[in-house]
PDB file of N, CA and C in Angstrom:
ATOM      1  N   ARG A   1      89.117 134.313 116.480  1.00  0.00           N
ATOM      2  CA  ARG A   1      89.704 135.191 117.462  1.00  0.00           C
ATOM      3  C   ARG A   1      88.613 136.069 118.057  1.00  0.00           C
ATOM      4  N   PRO A   2      88.235 135.847 119.254  1.00  0.00           N
ATOM      5  CA  PRO A   2      87.191 136.691 119.825  1.00  0.00           C
ATOM      6  C   PRO A   2      87.736 138.088 120.072  1.00  0.00           C
ATOM      7  N   SER A   3      86.948 139.063 119.697  1.00  0.00           N
ATOM      8  CA  SER A   3      87.380 140.425 119.964  1.00  0.00           C
ATOM      9  C   SER A   3      87.016 140.754 121.392  1.00  0.00           C
ATOM     10  N   LEU A   4      87.897 141.484 122.054  1.00  0.00           N
ATOM     11  CA  LEU A   4      87.683 141.799 123.454  1.00  0.00           C
ATOM     12  C   LEU A   4      87.383 143.276 123.606  1.00  0.00           C
ATOM     13  N   MET A   5      86.433 143.560 124.462  1.00  0.00           N
ATOM     14  CA  MET A   5      86.073 144.949 124.707  1.00  0.00           C
ATOM     15  C   MET A   5      86.213 145.192 126.200  1.00  0.00           C
ATOM     16  N   ALA A   6      86.743 146.343 126.584  1.00  0.00           N
ATOM     17  CA  ALA A   6      86.915 146.652 127.994  1.00  0.00           C
ATOM     18  C   ALA A   6      85.571 147.102 128.561  1.00  0.00           C
ATOM     19  N   ASN A   7      85.226 146.540 129.724  1.00  0.00           N
ATOM     20  CA  ASN A   7      83.994 147.001 130.365  1.00  0.00           C
ATOM     21  C   ASN A   7      84.344 148.071 131.397  1.00  0.00           C
ATOM     22  N   LYS A   8      83.364 148.524 132.135  1.00  0.00           N
ATOM     23  CA  LYS A   8      83.585 149.620 133.077  1.00  0.00           C
ATOM     24  C   LYS A   8      84.610 149.278 134.140  1.00  0.00           C
ATOM     25  N   GLY A   9      84.677 148.042 134.545  1.00  0.00           N
ATOM     26  CA  GLY A   9      85.608 147.633 135.580  1.00  0.00           C
ATOM     27  C   GLY A   9      87.021 147.447 135.060  1.00  0.00           C
ATOM     28  N   GLY A  10      87.247 147.693 133.774  1.00  0.00           N
ATOM     29  CA  GLY A  10      88.568 147.557 133.191  1.00  0.00           C
ATOM     30  C   GLY A  10      88.865 146.128 132.760  1.00  0.00           C
ATOM     31  N   LYS A  11      87.943 145.203 132.994  1.00  0.00           N
ATOM     32  CA  LYS A  11      88.147 143.819 132.584  1.00  0.00           C
ATOM     33  C   LYS A  11      87.745 143.654 131.123  1.00  0.00           C
ATOM     34  N   ALA A  12      88.384 142.714 130.454  1.00  0.00           N
ATOM     35  CA  ALA A  12      88.052 142.440 129.053  1.00  0.00           C
ATOM     36  C   ALA A  12      86.836 141.542 128.988  1.00  0.00           C
ATOM     37  N   ALA A  13      85.946 141.838 128.081  1.00  0.00           N
ATOM     38  CA  ALA A  13      84.745 141.023 127.911  1.00  0.00           C
ATOM     39  C   ALA A  13      84.541 140.741 126.441  1.00  0.00           C
ATOM     40  N   GLU A  14      83.996 139.593 126.115  1.00  0.00           N
ATOM     41  CA  GLU A  14      83.710 139.264 124.730  1.00  0.00           C
ATOM     42  C   GLU A  14      82.554 140.123 124.237  1.00  0.00           C
ATOM     43  N   SER A  15      82.601 140.458 122.958  1.00  0.00           N
ATOM     44  CA  SER A  15      81.499 141.219 122.385  1.00  0.00           C
ATOM     45  C   SER A  15      80.286 140.306 122.217  1.00  0.00           C
ATOM     46  N   LYS A  16      79.127 140.888 122.064  1.00  0.00           N
ATOM     47  CA  LYS A  16      77.890 140.113 121.877  1.00  0.00           C
ATOM     48  C   LYS A  16      77.988 139.244 120.632  1.00  0.00           C
ATOM     49  N   GLN A  17      78.595 139.775 119.582  1.00  0.00           N
ATOM     50  CA  GLN A  17      78.715 139.008 118.341  1.00  0.00           C
ATOM     51  C   GLN A  17      79.567 137.773 118.547  1.00  0.00           C
ATOM     52  N   ASP A  18      80.686 137.912 119.288  1.00  0.00           N
ATOM     53  CA  ASP A  18      81.551 136.761 119.509  1.00  0.00           C
ATOM     54  C   ASP A  18      80.858 135.707 120.346  1.00  0.00           C
ATOM     55  N   ARG A  19      80.081 136.121 121.353  1.00  0.00           N
ATOM     56  CA  ARG A  19      79.359 135.159 122.182  1.00  0.00           C
ATOM     57  C   ARG A  19      78.320 134.422 121.365  1.00  0.00           C
ATOM     58  N   ALA A  20      77.765 135.070 120.363  1.00  0.00           N
ATOM     59  CA  ALA A  20      76.753 134.431 119.523  1.00  0.00           C
ATOM     60  C   ALA A  20      77.394 133.592 118.426  1.00  0.00           C
ATOM     61  N   GLY A  21      78.755 133.616 118.326  1.00  0.00           N
ATOM     62  CA  GLY A  21      79.438 132.831 117.297  1.00  0.00           C
ATOM     63  C   GLY A  21      79.524 133.564 115.973  1.00  0.00           C
ATOM     64  N   ILE A  22      79.225 134.856 115.968  1.00  0.00           N
ATOM     65  CA  ILE A  22      79.285 135.653 114.744  1.00  0.00           C
ATOM     66  C   ILE A  22      80.590 136.441 114.768  1.00  0.00           C
ATOM     67  N   THR A  23      81.352 136.352 113.713  1.00  0.00           N
ATOM     68  CA  THR A  23      82.591 137.111 113.611  1.00  0.00           C
ATOM     69  C   THR A  23      82.554 137.954 112.353  1.00  0.00           C
ATOM     70  N   ASP A  24      83.622 138.744 112.142  1.00  0.00           N
ATOM     71  CA  ASP A  24      83.699 139.592 110.949  1.00  0.00           C
ATOM     72  C   ASP A  24      83.748 138.763 109.679  1.00  0.00           C
ATOM     73  N   ARG A  25      84.261 137.566 109.779  1.00  0.00           N
ATOM     74  CA  ARG A  25      84.344 136.705 108.605  1.00  0.00           C
ATOM     75  C   ARG A  25      83.047 135.929 108.470  1.00  0.00           C
ATOM     76  N   SER A  26      82.590 135.779 107.255  1.00  0.00           N
ATOM     77  CA  SER A  26      81.339 135.051 107.038  1.00  0.00           C
ATOM     78  C   SER A  26      81.527 133.555 107.218  1.00  0.00           C
ATOM     79  N   ALA A  27      82.753 133.077 107.031  1.00  0.00           N
ATOM     80  CA  ALA A  27      83.024 131.654 107.205  1.00  0.00           C
ATOM     81  C   ALA A  27      84.355 131.511 107.922  1.00  0.00           C
ATOM     82  N   SER A  28      84.522 130.452 108.663  1.00  0.00           N
ATOM     83  CA  SER A  28      85.795 130.255 109.345  1.00  0.00           C
ATOM     84  C   SER A  28      86.849 129.903 108.313  1.00  0.00           C
ATOM     85  N   GLU A  29      88.105 129.855 108.761  1.00  0.00           N
ATOM     86  CA  GLU A  29      89.211 129.644 107.830  1.00  0.00           C
ATOM     87  C   GLU A  29      89.182 128.270 107.184  1.00  0.00           C
ATOM     88  N   ASN A  30      88.542 127.275 107.805  1.00  0.00           N
ATOM     89  CA  ASN A  30      88.522 125.924 107.248  1.00  0.00           C
ATOM     90  C   ASN A  30      87.225 125.577 106.534  1.00  0.00           C
ATOM     91  N   SER A  31      86.290 126.493 106.463  1.00  0.00           N
ATOM     92  CA  SER A  31      85.039 126.169 105.789  1.00  0.00           C
ATOM     93  C   SER A  31      85.039 126.742 104.378  1.00  0.00           C
ATOM     94  N   PHE A  32      84.150 126.226 103.556  1.00  0.00           N
ATOM     95  CA  PHE A  32      84.073 126.630 102.163  1.00  0.00           C
ATOM     96  C   PHE A  32      82.666 127.122 101.872  1.00  0.00           C
ATOM     97  N   PRO A  33      82.481 127.839 100.785  1.00  0.00           N
ATOM     98  CA  PRO A  33      81.131 128.277 100.408  1.00  0.00           C
ATOM     99  C   PRO A  33      80.204 127.075 100.244  1.00  0.00           C
ATOM    100  N   ALA A  34      78.945 127.298 100.507  1.00  0.00           N
ATOM    101  CA  ALA A  34      77.958 126.210 100.415  1.00  0.00           C
ATOM    102  C   ALA A  34      77.975 125.599  99.025  1.00  0.00           C
ATOM    103  N   GLY A  35      78.009 124.285  98.960  1.00  0.00           N
ATOM    104  CA  GLY A  35      77.967 123.572  97.690  1.00  0.00           C
ATOM    105  C   GLY A  35      79.296 123.496  96.975  1.00  0.00           C
ATOM    106  N   ALA A  36      80.356 124.049  97.562  1.00  0.00           N
ATOM    107  CA  ALA A  36      81.660 124.027  96.900  1.00  0.00           C
ATOM    108  C   ALA A  36      82.410 122.759  97.296  1.00  0.00           C
ATOM    109  N   ASP A  37      83.081 122.168  96.326  1.00  0.00           N
ATOM    110  CA  ASP A  37      83.888 120.980  96.571  1.00  0.00           C
ATOM    111  C   ASP A  37      85.217 121.437  97.191  1.00  0.00           C
ATOM    112  N   PRO A  38      85.525 121.023  98.423  1.00  0.00           N
ATOM    113  CA  PRO A  38      86.757 121.481  99.076  1.00  0.00           C
ATOM    114  C   PRO A  38      88.015 121.186  98.268  1.00  0.00           C
ATOM    115  N   SER A  39      88.079 120.032  97.623  1.00  0.00           N
ATOM    116  CA  SER A  39      89.296 119.721  96.852  1.00  0.00           C
ATOM    117  C   SER A  39      89.428 120.663  95.655  1.00  0.00           C
ATOM    118  N   LEU A  40      88.302 121.034  95.053  1.00  0.00           N
ATOM    119  CA  LEU A  40      88.333 121.969  93.926  1.00  0.00           C
ATOM    120  C   LEU A  40      88.773 123.346  94.401  1.00  0.00           C
ATOM    121  N   VAL A  41      88.270 123.754  95.570  1.00  0.00           N
ATOM    122  CA  VAL A  41      88.654 125.058  96.127  1.00  0.00           C
ATOM    123  C   VAL A  41      90.149 125.079  96.412  1.00  0.00           C
ATOM    124  N   TRP A  42      90.677 124.007  96.996  1.00  0.00           N
ATOM    125  CA  TRP A  42      92.112 123.948  97.285  1.00  0.00           C
ATOM    126  C   TRP A  42      92.942 123.950  96.009  1.00  0.00           C
ATOM    127  N   LYS A  43      92.463 123.244  94.976  1.00  0.00           N
ATOM    128  CA  LYS A  43      93.178 123.249  93.686  1.00  0.00           C
ATOM    129  C   LYS A  43      93.230 124.654  93.103  1.00  0.00           C
ATOM    130  N   LYS A  44      92.091 125.353  93.172  1.00  0.00           N
ATOM    131  CA  LYS A  44      92.058 126.724  92.656  1.00  0.00           C
ATOM    132  C   LYS A  44      92.983 127.625  93.458  1.00  0.00           C
ATOM    133  N   LEU A  45      92.971 127.437  94.770  1.00  0.00           N
ATOM    134  CA  LEU A  45      93.851 128.224  95.629  1.00  0.00           C
ATOM    135  C   LEU A  45      95.314 127.959  95.282  1.00  0.00           C
ATOM    136  N   PHE A  46      95.654 126.687  95.088  1.00  0.00           N
ATOM    137  CA  PHE A  46      97.020 126.319  94.724  1.00  0.00           C
ATOM    138  C   PHE A  46      97.426 126.957  93.398  1.00  0.00           C
ATOM    139  N   LYS A  47      96.524 126.899  92.416  1.00  0.00           N
ATOM    140  CA  LYS A  47      96.811 127.506  91.109  1.00  0.00           C
ATOM    141  C   LYS A  47      97.011 129.018  91.234  1.00  0.00           C
ATOM    142  N   GLU A  48      96.185 129.662  92.042  1.00  0.00           N
ATOM    143  CA  GLU A  48      96.316 131.103  92.235  1.00  0.00           C
ATOM    144  C   GLU A  48      97.637 131.437  92.910  1.00  0.00           C
ATOM    145  N   ARG A  49      98.041 130.606  93.863  1.00  0.00           N
ATOM    146  CA  ARG A  49      99.334 130.826  94.522  1.00  0.00           C
ATOM    147  C   ARG A  49     100.473 130.672  93.519  1.00  0.00           C
ATOM    148  N   GLN A  50     100.368 129.670  92.657  1.00  0.00           N
ATOM    149  CA  GLN A  50     101.395 129.490  91.628  1.00  0.00           C
ATOM    150  C   GLN A  50     101.457 130.697  90.701  1.00  0.00           C
ATOM    151  N   LYS A  51     100.294 131.169  90.273  1.00  0.00           N
ATOM    152  CA  LYS A  51     100.253 132.362  89.407  1.00  0.00           C
ATOM    153  C   LYS A  51     100.871 133.548  90.117  1.00  0.00           C
ATOM    154  N   ASN A  52     100.534 133.686  91.393  1.00  0.00           N
ATOM    155  CA  ASN A  52     101.059 134.796  92.181  1.00  0.00           C
ATOM    156  C   ASN A  52     102.590 134.731  92.252  1.00  0.00           C
ATOM    157  N   LYS A  53     103.130 133.536  92.503  1.00  0.00           N
ATOM    158  CA  LYS A  53     104.593 133.379  92.556  1.00  0.00           C
ATOM    159  C   LYS A  53     105.229 133.714  91.215  1.00  0.00           C
ATOM    160  N   MET A  54     104.603 133.266  90.133  1.00  0.00           N
ATOM    161  CA  MET A  54     105.141 133.552  88.798  1.00  0.00           C
ATOM    162  C   MET A  54     105.105 135.060  88.520  1.00  0.00           C
ATOM    163  N   LEU A  55     104.022 135.703  88.913  1.00  0.00           N
ATOM    164  CA  LEU A  55     103.921 137.143  88.701  1.00  0.00           C
ATOM    165  C   LEU A  55     104.941 137.899  89.552  1.00  0.00           C
ATOM    166  N   GLN A  56     105.167 137.440  90.770  1.00  0.00           N
ATOM    167  CA  GLN A  56     106.180 138.068  91.615  1.00  0.00           C
ATOM    168  C   GLN A  56     107.563 137.902  91.000  1.00  0.00           C
ATOM    169  N   PHE A  57     107.835 136.726  90.459  1.00  0.00           N
ATOM    170  CA  PHE A  57     109.101 136.485  89.773  1.00  0.00           C
ATOM    171  C   PHE A  57     109.240 137.428  88.575  1.00  0.00           C
ATOM    172  N   GLU A  58     108.175 137.562  87.810  1.00  0.00           N
ATOM    173  CA  GLU A  58     108.187 138.441  86.633  1.00  0.00           C
ATOM    174  C   GLU A  58     108.429 139.895  87.045  1.00  0.00           C
ATOM    175  N   VAL A  59     107.821 140.314  88.143  1.00  0.00           N
ATOM    176  CA  VAL A  59     108.024 141.683  88.636  1.00  0.00           C
ATOM    177  C   VAL A  59     109.491 141.889  89.005  1.00  0.00           C
ATOM    178  N   ARG A  60     110.087 140.914  89.717  1.00  0.00           N
ATOM    179  CA  ARG A  60     111.512 141.037  90.081  1.00  0.00           C
ATOM    180  C   ARG A  60     112.378 141.100  88.836  1.00  0.00           C
ATOM    181  N   ARG A  61     112.072 140.248  87.851  1.00  0.00           N
ATOM    182  CA  ARG A  61     112.853 140.232  86.610  1.00  0.00           C
ATOM    183  C   ARG A  61     112.748 141.576  85.881  1.00  0.00           C
ATOM    184  N   LEU A  62     111.536 142.110  85.808  1.00  0.00           N
ATOM    185  CA  LEU A  62     111.335 143.393  85.135  1.00  0.00           C
ATOM    186  C   LEU A  62     112.000 144.535  85.901  1.00  0.00           C
ATOM    187  N   ASN A  63     111.968 144.487  87.224  1.00  0.00           N
ATOM    188  CA  ASN A  63     112.649 145.513  88.012  1.00  0.00           C
ATOM    189  C   ASN A  63     114.151 145.460  87.795  1.00  0.00           C
ATOM    190  N   ASN A  64     114.712 144.246  87.712  1.00  0.00           N
ATOM    191  CA  ASN A  64     116.148 144.107  87.437  1.00  0.00           C
ATOM    192  C   ASN A  64     116.484 144.661  86.060  1.00  0.00           C
ATOM    193  N   SER A  65     115.658 144.353  85.080  1.00  0.00           N
ATOM    194  CA  SER A  65     115.880 144.881  83.730  1.00  0.00           C
ATOM    195  C   SER A  65     115.789 146.402  83.728  1.00  0.00           C
ATOM    196  N   LEU A  66     114.813 146.929  84.437  1.00  0.00           N
ATOM    197  CA  LEU A  66     114.651 148.372  84.523  1.00  0.00           C
ATOM    198  C   LEU A  66     115.895 149.026  85.103  1.00  0.00           C
ATOM    199  N   GLU A  67     116.443 148.434  86.161  1.00  0.00           N
ATOM    200  CA  GLU A  67     117.654 148.997  86.773  1.00  0.00           C
ATOM    201  C   GLU A  67     118.823 148.971  85.791  1.00  0.00           C
ATOM    202  N   LEU A  68     118.957 147.883  85.038  1.00  0.00           N
ATOM    203  CA  LEU A  68     120.031 147.805  84.042  1.00  0.00           C
ATOM    204  C   LEU A  68     119.867 148.886  82.975  1.00  0.00           C
ATOM    205  N   PHE A  69     118.632 149.078  82.498  1.00  0.00           N
ATOM    206  CA  PHE A  69     118.390 150.095  81.477  1.00  0.00           C
ATOM    207  C   PHE A  69     118.614 151.499  82.022  1.00  0.00           C
ATOM    208  N   LYS A  70     118.273 151.712  83.286  1.00  0.00           N
ATOM    209  CA  LYS A  70     118.518 153.021  83.902  1.00  0.00           C
ATOM    210  C   LYS A  70     120.021 153.325  83.949  1.00  0.00           C
ATOM    211  N   LYS A  71     120.804 152.304  84.318  1.00  0.00           N
ATOM    212  CA  LYS A  71     122.260 152.478  84.374  1.00  0.00           C
ATOM    213  C   LYS A  71     122.805 152.776  82.982  1.00  0.00           C
ATOM    214  N   ALA A  72     122.347 152.033  81.985  1.00  0.00           N
ATOM    215  CA  ALA A  72     122.814 152.251  80.616  1.00  0.00           C
ATOM    216  C   ALA A  72     122.425 153.645  80.126  1.00  0.00           C
ATOM    217  N   LEU A  73     121.206 154.077  80.443  1.00  0.00           N
ATOM    218  CA  LEU A  73     120.756 155.409  80.050  1.00  0.00           C
ATOM    219  C   LEU A  73     121.608 156.484  80.699  1.00  0.00           C
ATOM    220  N   LYS A  74     121.931 156.311  81.983  1.00  0.00           N
ATOM    221  CA  LYS A  74     122.764 157.277  82.696  1.00  0.00           C
ATOM    222  C   LYS A  74     124.140 157.358  82.050  1.00  0.00           C
ATOM    223  N   GLN A  75     124.726 156.213  81.710  1.00  0.00           N
ATOM    224  CA  GLN A  75     126.039 156.193  81.066  1.00  0.00           C
ATOM    225  C   GLN A  75     125.990 156.908  79.716  1.00  0.00           C
ATOM    226  N   LYS A  76     124.968 156.631  78.923  1.00  0.00           N
ATOM    227  CA  LYS A  76     124.844 157.278  77.609  1.00  0.00           C
ATOM    228  C   LYS A  76     124.633 158.778  77.759  1.00  0.00           C
ATOM    229  N   SER A  77     123.827 159.170  78.733  1.00  0.00           N
ATOM    230  CA  SER A  77     123.587 160.596  78.964  1.00  0.00           C
ATOM    231  C   SER A  77     124.875 161.299  79.368  1.00  0.00           C
ATOM    232  N   ASP A  78     125.645 160.659  80.247  1.00  0.00           N
ATOM    233  CA  ASP A  78     126.933 161.234  80.655  1.00  0.00           C
ATOM    234  C   ASP A  78     127.884 161.351  79.461  1.00  0.00           C
ATOM    235  N   GLU A  79     127.877 160.336  78.617  1.00  0.00           N
ATOM    236  CA  GLU A  79     128.738 160.341  77.424  1.00  0.00           C
ATOM    237  C   GLU A  79     128.333 161.476  76.472  1.00  0.00           C
ATOM    238  N   ILE A  80     127.038 161.650  76.274  1.00  0.00           N
ATOM    239  CA  ILE A  80     126.545 162.725  75.396  1.00  0.00           C
ATOM    240  C   ILE A  80     126.900 164.090  75.974  1.00  0.00           C
ATOM    241  N   GLU A  81     126.732 164.234  77.288  1.00  0.00           N
ATOM    242  CA  GLU A  81     127.063 165.507  77.930  1.00  0.00           C
ATOM    243  C   GLU A  81     128.548 165.823  77.774  1.00  0.00           C
ATOM    244  N   SER A  82     129.384 164.818  77.926  1.00  0.00           N
ATOM    245  CA  SER A  82     130.831 165.003  77.765  1.00  0.00           C
ATOM    246  C   SER A  82     131.170 165.420  76.335  1.00  0.00           C
ATOM    247  N   LYS A  83     130.554 164.776  75.362  1.00  0.00           N
ATOM    248  CA  LYS A  83     130.808 165.118  73.959  1.00  0.00           C
ATOM    249  C   LYS A  83     130.295 166.522  73.629  1.00  0.00           C
ATOM    250  N   ASN A  84     129.151 166.908  74.214  1.00  0.00           N
ATOM    251  CA  ASN A  84     128.645 168.270  74.005  1.00  0.00           C
ATOM    252  C   ASN A  84     129.621 169.303  74.544  1.00  0.00           C
ATOM    253  N   LYS A  85     130.234 169.012  75.686  1.00  0.00           N
ATOM    254  CA  LYS A  85     131.227 169.939  76.248  1.00  0.00           C
ATOM    255  C   LYS A  85     132.421 170.081  75.311  1.00  0.00           C
ATOM    256  N   VAL A  86     132.874 168.966  74.754  1.00  0.00           N
ATOM    257  CA  VAL A  86     134.002 168.996  73.815  1.00  0.00           C
ATOM    258  C   VAL A  86     133.618 169.802  72.572  1.00  0.00           C
ATOM    259  N   ILE A  87     132.421 169.570  72.052  1.00  0.00           N
ATOM    260  CA  ILE A  87     131.956 170.298  70.862  1.00  0.00           C
ATOM    261  C   ILE A  87     131.889 171.796  71.146  1.00  0.00           C
ATOM    262  N   ASN A  88     131.322 172.167  72.294  1.00  0.00           N
ATOM    263  CA  ASN A  88     131.222 173.591  72.641  1.00  0.00           C
ATOM    264  C   ASN A  88     132.600 174.224  72.787  1.00  0.00           C
ATOM    265  N   LYS A  89     133.524 173.486  73.382  1.00  0.00           N
ATOM    266  CA  LYS A  89     134.889 174.003  73.537  1.00  0.00           C
ATOM    267  C   LYS A  89     135.545 174.202  72.169  1.00  0.00           C
ATOM    268  N   LEU A  90     135.383 173.237  71.272  1.00  0.00           N
ATOM    269  CA  LEU A  90     135.954 173.348  69.929  1.00  0.00           C
ATOM    270  C   LEU A  90     135.334 174.509  69.154  1.00  0.00           C
ATOM    271  N   MET A  91     134.019 174.703  69.343  1.00  0.00           N
ATOM    272  CA  MET A  91     133.359 175.819  68.656  1.00  0.00           C
ATOM    273  C   MET A  91     133.884 177.162  69.172  1.00  0.00           C
ATOM    274  N   GLU A  92     134.114 177.253  70.469  1.00  0.00           N
ATOM    275  CA  GLU A  92     134.671 178.486  71.031  1.00  0.00           C
ATOM    276  C   GLU A  92     136.071 178.744  70.479  1.00  0.00           C
ATOM    277  N   GLU A  93     136.882 177.696  70.428  1.00  0.00           N
ATOM    278  CA  GLU A  93     138.238 177.837  69.907  1.00  0.00           C
ATOM    279  C   GLU A  93     138.207 178.276  68.443  1.00  0.00           C
ATOM    280  N   LYS A  94     137.329 177.682  67.666  1.00  0.00           N
ATOM    281  CA  LYS A  94     137.230 178.029  66.243  1.00  0.00           C
ATOM    282  C   LYS A  94     136.789 179.480  66.098  1.00  0.00           C
ATOM    283  N   THR A  95     135.809 179.889  66.933  1.00  0.00           N
ATOM    284  CA  THR A  95     135.332 181.266  66.882  1.00  0.00           C
ATOM    285  C   THR A  95     136.455 182.233  67.228  1.00  0.00           C
ATOM    286  N   CYS A  96     137.241 181.894  68.248  1.00  0.00           N
ATOM    287  CA  CYS A  96     138.369 182.756  68.639  1.00  0.00           C
ATOM    288  C   CYS A  96     139.423 182.825  67.535  1.00  0.00           C
ATOM    289  N   ILE A  97     139.683 181.690  66.908  1.00  0.00           N
ATOM    290  CA  ILE A  97     140.676 181.661  65.819  1.00  0.00           C
ATOM    291  C   ILE A  97     140.184 182.493  64.639  1.00  0.00           C
ATOM    292  N   GLN A  98     138.915 182.352  64.275  1.00  0.00           N
ATOM    293  CA  GLN A  98     138.365 183.130  63.166  1.00  0.00           C
ATOM    294  C   GLN A  98     138.375 184.617  63.481  1.00  0.00           C
ATOM    295  N   ALA A  99     138.061 184.958  64.716  1.00  0.00           N
ATOM    296  CA  ALA A  99     138.060 186.374  65.105  1.00  0.00           C
ATOM    297  C   ALA A  99     139.470 186.943  65.018  1.00  0.00           C
ATOM    298  N   SER A 100     140.467 186.195  65.452  1.00  0.00           N
ATOM    299  CA  SER A 100     141.842 186.694  65.394  1.00  0.00           C
ATOM    300  C   SER A 100     142.325 186.777  63.947  1.00  0.00           C
ATOM    301  N   GLN A 101     141.882 185.862  63.075  1.00  0.00           N
ATOM    302  CA  GLN A 101     142.256 185.935  61.661  1.00  0.00           C
ATOM    303  C   GLN A 101     141.609 187.142  61.007  1.00  0.00           C
ATOM    304  N   ASP A 102     140.370 187.451  61.371  1.00  0.00           N
ATOM    305  CA  ASP A 102     139.689 188.619  60.825  1.00  0.00           C
ATOM    306  C   ASP A 102     140.413 189.890  61.248  1.00  0.00           C
ATOM    307  N   ILE A 103     140.893 189.934  62.459  1.00  0.00           N
ATOM    308  CA  ILE A 103     141.617 191.118  62.943  1.00  0.00           C
ATOM    309  C   ILE A 103     142.931 191.259  62.178  1.00  0.00           C
ATOM    310  N   ASP A 104     143.626 190.127  61.963  1.00  0.00           N
ATOM    311  CA  ASP A 104     144.887 190.167  61.238  1.00  0.00           C
ATOM    312  C   ASP A 104     144.665 190.624  59.796  1.00  0.00           C
ATOM    313  N   GLU A 105     143.569 190.207  59.167  1.00  0.00           N
ATOM    314  CA  GLU A 105     143.292 190.601  57.786  1.00  0.00           C
ATOM    315  C   GLU A 105     142.971 192.090  57.701  1.00  0.00           C
ATOM    316  N   ASP A 106     142.353 192.635  58.700  1.00  0.00           N
ATOM    317  CA  ASP A 106     142.022 194.063  58.716  1.00  0.00           C
ATOM    318  C   ASP A 106     143.267 194.910  58.867  1.00  0.00           C
ATOM    319  N   ASN A 107     144.287 194.394  59.489  1.00  0.00           N
ATOM    320  CA  ASN A 107     145.515 195.174  59.693  1.00  0.00           C
ATOM    321  C   ASN A 107     146.373 195.054  58.520  1.00  0.00           C
TER     322      ASN A 107
END
């Protein structure tokens, strides 16, 4: 892809590097490093793509598990909070009952 630069007249012009055949990439998309076997490079690329797909699958699986555990944690936390409220209410009632019994014993 030749990069275009605007000249003074507003027209697009190729950069000096593009005219000389030099681009930002050291090699074109279809070339391989010097001395590299193209079939070996493609095999390695294929293997890396497979690994990448497997890792992406693993990430999705772990994210799904994380969401399930978050939901379970929220449910347990809500359950504990509800039980704490019941315990606090019972403790208040017991305290009130004991206080009224103490008053009755004093009379």
